[in-house]
Amino acid sequence: MEHTQPEPQDKRWKQWLKRVGIGGLIFFTVKGFVWLAIFYFGADMLEGCASK
């Protein structure tokens, strides 16, 4: 039985990026911005409803 060294964090990150690709990176970035906008404008709308 051979002992394997744990992979460095940098190598795992590069491996993940190659697997997901640039399309996945763009998709998850845009998805994150959409959720931020939903929370921001959703809270703003709820605040507006409460003051009426």
N, C-alpha and C. Protein backbone atom coordinates (compact mmCIF):
# COMPACT_ATOMS: atom_id res chain seq x y z
N MET A 1 0.85 -1.18 0.00
CA MET A 1 0.00 0.00 0.00
C MET A 1 0.90 1.24 0.00
N GLU A 2 0.70 2.08 -0.95
CA GLU A 2 1.55 3.25 -1.00
C GLU A 2 0.85 4.46 -0.39
N HIS A 3 1.65 5.33 0.17
CA HIS A 3 1.14 6.54 0.80
C HIS A 3 1.19 7.67 -0.22
N THR A 4 0.08 8.34 -0.36
CA THR A 4 0.05 9.48 -1.28
C THR A 4 0.01 10.77 -0.48
N GLN A 5 0.71 11.73 -0.99
CA GLN A 5 0.75 13.05 -0.36
C GLN A 5 -0.52 13.79 -0.75
N PRO A 6 -1.08 14.57 0.16
CA PRO A 6 -2.24 15.38 -0.23
C PRO A 6 -1.83 16.41 -1.27
N GLU A 7 -2.73 16.64 -2.23
CA GLU A 7 -2.42 17.60 -3.29
C GLU A 7 -2.42 19.02 -2.74
N PRO A 8 -1.52 19.84 -3.24
CA PRO A 8 -1.53 21.24 -2.81
C PRO A 8 -2.83 21.93 -3.23
N GLN A 9 -3.22 22.93 -2.48
CA GLN A 9 -4.48 23.64 -2.74
C GLN A 9 -4.48 24.25 -4.14
N ASP A 10 -3.34 24.78 -4.57
CA ASP A 10 -3.24 25.42 -5.88
C ASP A 10 -3.53 24.42 -7.00
N LYS A 11 -3.03 23.21 -6.86
CA LYS A 11 -3.23 22.20 -7.90
C LYS A 11 -4.69 21.78 -7.98
N ARG A 12 -5.34 21.65 -6.82
CA ARG A 12 -6.76 21.29 -6.81
C ARG A 12 -7.59 22.38 -7.47
N TRP A 13 -7.26 23.65 -7.22
CA TRP A 13 -7.99 24.78 -7.81
C TRP A 13 -7.86 24.76 -9.32
N LYS A 14 -6.66 24.54 -9.82
CA LYS A 14 -6.44 24.50 -11.27
C LYS A 14 -7.18 23.32 -11.90
N GLN A 15 -7.19 22.19 -11.20
CA GLN A 15 -7.88 21.01 -11.70
C GLN A 15 -9.39 21.28 -11.80
N TRP A 16 -9.95 21.94 -10.78
CA TRP A 16 -11.37 22.27 -10.78
C TRP A 16 -11.68 23.23 -11.92
N LEU A 17 -10.84 24.24 -12.11
CA LEU A 17 -11.06 25.23 -13.16
C LEU A 17 -11.02 24.59 -14.54
N LYS A 18 -10.12 23.66 -14.75
CA LYS A 18 -10.05 22.96 -16.03
C LYS A 18 -11.31 22.12 -16.26
N ARG A 19 -11.81 21.51 -15.21
CA ARG A 19 -12.98 20.66 -15.32
C ARG A 19 -14.24 21.50 -15.63
N VAL A 20 -14.40 22.59 -14.92
CA VAL A 20 -15.59 23.42 -15.09
C VAL A 20 -15.48 24.28 -16.34
N GLY A 21 -14.32 24.81 -16.58
CA GLY A 21 -14.08 25.61 -17.76
C GLY A 21 -14.48 27.06 -17.57
N ILE A 22 -14.18 27.85 -18.57
CA ILE A 22 -14.45 29.28 -18.51
C ILE A 22 -15.95 29.55 -18.54
N GLY A 23 -16.70 28.71 -19.22
CA GLY A 23 -18.16 28.87 -19.26
C GLY A 23 -18.78 28.72 -17.89
N GLY A 24 -18.31 27.73 -17.14
CA GLY A 24 -18.82 27.53 -15.78
C GLY A 24 -18.44 28.67 -14.87
N LEU A 25 -17.25 29.18 -15.02
CA LEU A 25 -16.79 30.30 -14.21
C LEU A 25 -17.66 31.53 -14.46
N ILE A 26 -17.93 31.82 -15.73
CA ILE A 26 -18.78 32.96 -16.07
C ILE A 26 -20.20 32.73 -15.55
N PHE A 27 -20.73 31.52 -15.72
CA PHE A 27 -22.08 31.20 -15.27
C PHE A 27 -22.24 31.44 -13.77
N PHE A 28 -21.32 30.91 -12.96
CA PHE A 28 -21.45 31.05 -11.52
C PHE A 28 -21.22 32.49 -11.06
N THR A 29 -20.38 33.23 -11.77
CA THR A 29 -20.17 34.64 -11.44
C THR A 29 -21.45 35.44 -11.69
N VAL A 30 -22.04 35.23 -12.86
CA VAL A 30 -23.28 35.94 -13.20
C VAL A 30 -24.40 35.53 -12.24
N LYS A 31 -24.48 34.25 -11.94
CA LYS A 31 -25.50 33.76 -11.00
C LYS A 31 -25.35 34.45 -9.64
N GLY A 32 -24.13 34.61 -9.18
CA GLY A 32 -23.90 35.29 -7.91
C GLY A 32 -24.35 36.74 -7.94
N PHE A 33 -24.06 37.43 -9.04
CA PHE A 33 -24.49 38.83 -9.17
C PHE A 33 -26.01 38.93 -9.23
N VAL A 34 -26.65 37.98 -9.89
CA VAL A 34 -28.12 37.99 -9.96
C VAL A 34 -28.71 37.82 -8.56
N TRP A 35 -28.18 36.90 -7.77
CA TRP A 35 -28.69 36.72 -6.41
C TRP A 35 -28.46 37.95 -5.55
N LEU A 36 -27.31 38.61 -5.71
CA LEU A 36 -27.06 39.85 -4.97
C LEU A 36 -28.09 40.91 -5.33
N ALA A 37 -28.40 41.03 -6.62
CA ALA A 37 -29.39 42.01 -7.05
C ALA A 37 -30.77 41.66 -6.51
N ILE A 38 -31.11 40.38 -6.51
CA ILE A 38 -32.41 39.95 -5.98
C ILE A 38 -32.53 40.32 -4.50
N PHE A 39 -31.52 40.05 -3.73
CA PHE A 39 -31.56 40.38 -2.30
C PHE A 39 -31.59 41.88 -2.08
N TYR A 40 -30.82 42.62 -2.85
CA TYR A 40 -30.76 44.08 -2.67
C TYR A 40 -32.10 44.71 -3.01
N PHE A 41 -32.60 44.43 -4.21
CA PHE A 41 -33.85 45.06 -4.65
C PHE A 41 -35.06 44.46 -3.93
N GLY A 42 -34.98 43.19 -3.55
CA GLY A 42 -36.07 42.58 -2.78
C GLY A 42 -36.20 43.23 -1.41
N ALA A 43 -35.09 43.48 -0.75
CA ALA A 43 -35.12 44.14 0.56
C ALA A 43 -35.61 45.57 0.39
N ASP A 44 -35.21 46.23 -0.67
CA ASP A 44 -35.65 47.60 -0.92
C ASP A 44 -37.16 47.64 -1.14
N MET A 45 -37.70 46.68 -1.87
CA MET A 45 -39.15 46.64 -2.11
C MET A 45 -39.90 46.33 -0.81
N LEU A 46 -39.37 45.43 -0.01
CA LEU A 46 -40.04 45.11 1.26
C LEU A 46 -40.01 46.31 2.20
N GLU A 47 -38.94 47.04 2.19
CA GLU A 47 -38.83 48.23 3.03
C GLU A 47 -39.86 49.27 2.57
N GLY A 48 -40.04 49.39 1.27
CA GLY A 48 -41.02 50.32 0.73
C GLY A 48 -42.44 49.93 1.09
N CYS A 49 -42.73 48.64 1.14
CA CYS A 49 -44.07 48.15 1.49
C CYS A 49 -44.36 48.40 2.97
N ALA A 50 -43.35 48.29 3.81
CA ALA A 50 -43.54 48.45 5.25
C ALA A 50 -43.83 49.89 5.63
N SER A 51 -43.34 50.85 4.85
CA SER A 51 -43.52 52.26 5.22
C SER A 51 -44.87 52.79 4.79
N LYS A 52 -45.62 52.05 3.98
CA LYS A 52 -46.95 52.51 3.52
C LYS A 52 -48.02 52.27 4.56
